[in-house]
Amino acid sequence: ESFNNLRSRGSSLCDIAILVVDIMHGLEPQTIESLELLRSKKTPFVVALNKVDRLYGWKVCPNAPIQDAFKQQPEHVLKEFEN
């Protein structure tokens, strides 16, 4: 209840939001609630995926931008992003 109130007030006060999603847990109920609040208040937002390097089979690409590292991943890792 109290976290719901915090999310609701926060979505009303911000000009833009960054919603961080742990890729290992996916969309949890509070994440969906936050998305609904942001959409209902018409707050612009960006979704940032966290811990992508922990996907099974992720090939480490030191100092590479995420776009380049993503292109170098095996097919089964790329399919994880589609699910």
Protein backbone atom coordinates (compact mmCIF):
# COMPACT_ATOMS: atom_id res chain seq x y z
CA GLU A 1 0.00 0.00 0.00
CA SER A 2 2.66 2.54 1.00
CA PHE A 3 4.86 1.68 -2.00
CA ASN A 4 1.84 2.07 -4.25
CA ASN A 5 1.35 5.59 -2.87
CA LEU A 6 5.02 6.41 -3.43
CA ARG A 7 4.88 5.21 -7.03
CA SER A 8 1.67 7.14 -7.65
CA ARG A 9 3.05 10.39 -6.21
CA GLY A 10 6.37 9.95 -7.97
CA SER A 11 4.73 9.45 -11.35
CA SER A 12 2.77 12.69 -10.84
CA LEU A 13 5.85 14.75 -9.97
CA CYS A 14 8.34 13.73 -12.62
CA ASP A 15 8.93 15.14 -16.11
CA ILE A 16 10.42 11.87 -17.36
CA ALA A 17 10.96 8.47 -15.78
CA ILE A 18 13.51 5.69 -16.16
CA LEU A 19 11.99 2.33 -15.31
CA VAL A 20 14.73 -0.19 -14.51
CA VAL A 21 13.76 -3.82 -15.11
CA ASP A 22 15.88 -6.73 -13.86
CA ILE A 23 16.00 -9.01 -16.89
CA MET A 24 16.37 -12.05 -14.61
CA HIS A 25 12.98 -11.34 -12.97
CA GLY A 26 11.07 -9.81 -15.88
CA LEU A 27 7.92 -7.78 -15.37
CA GLU A 28 6.86 -8.12 -11.76
CA PRO A 29 3.51 -6.79 -10.47
CA GLN A 30 5.04 -3.53 -9.18
CA THR A 31 6.71 -2.96 -12.56
CA ILE A 32 3.40 -3.37 -14.36
CA GLU A 33 1.77 -1.04 -11.82
CA SER A 34 4.48 1.56 -12.48
CA LEU A 35 3.97 1.26 -16.24
CA GLU A 36 0.22 1.75 -15.83
CA LEU A 37 0.75 4.81 -13.62
CA LEU A 38 3.21 6.38 -16.05
CA ARG A 39 0.90 5.77 -19.00
CA SER A 40 -2.18 7.10 -17.19
CA LYS A 41 -0.32 10.30 -16.23
CA LYS A 42 1.16 10.52 -19.76
CA THR A 43 4.65 10.72 -18.29
CA PRO A 44 7.36 9.99 -20.87
CA PHE A 45 9.54 7.07 -19.82
CA VAL A 46 12.44 4.87 -20.86
CA VAL A 47 12.75 1.20 -19.92
CA ALA A 48 16.29 0.17 -18.97
CA LEU A 49 17.13 -3.53 -18.75
CA ASN A 50 19.48 -4.38 -15.91
CA LYS A 51 21.76 -7.45 -15.59
CA VAL A 52 21.67 -8.47 -19.26
CA ASP A 53 25.19 -9.85 -18.83
CA ARG A 54 23.80 -12.49 -16.45
CA LEU A 55 21.79 -14.22 -19.19
CA TYR A 56 22.93 -17.81 -19.63
CA GLY A 57 25.51 -17.92 -22.40
CA TRP A 58 26.15 -14.15 -22.55
CA LYS A 59 29.48 -13.57 -24.26
CA VAL A 60 31.53 -10.90 -22.48
CA CYS A 61 32.65 -8.04 -24.73
CA PRO A 62 34.82 -5.75 -22.58
CA ASN A 63 34.31 -2.02 -23.16
CA ALA A 64 31.95 -2.63 -26.09
CA PRO A 65 28.78 -0.53 -26.47
CA ILE A 66 25.67 -2.59 -25.77
CA GLN A 67 24.62 -2.54 -29.44
CA ASP A 68 27.94 -4.10 -30.50
CA ALA A 69 27.95 -6.61 -27.65
CA PHE A 70 24.37 -7.61 -28.50
CA LYS A 71 25.32 -8.35 -32.12
CA GLN A 72 28.05 -10.73 -30.92
CA GLN A 73 25.76 -12.90 -28.79
CA PRO A 74 24.84 -16.51 -29.64
CA GLU A 75 21.40 -17.15 -31.12
CA HIS A 76 19.97 -18.69 -27.93
CA VAL A 77 20.87 -15.53 -25.97
CA LEU A 78 19.20 -13.30 -28.57
CA LYS A 79 16.04 -15.42 -28.31
CA GLU A 80 15.86 -14.63 -24.57
CA PHE A 81 15.13 -11.02 -25.53
CA GLU A 82 12.23 -12.11 -27.71
CA ASN A 83 10.51 -13.99 -24.88
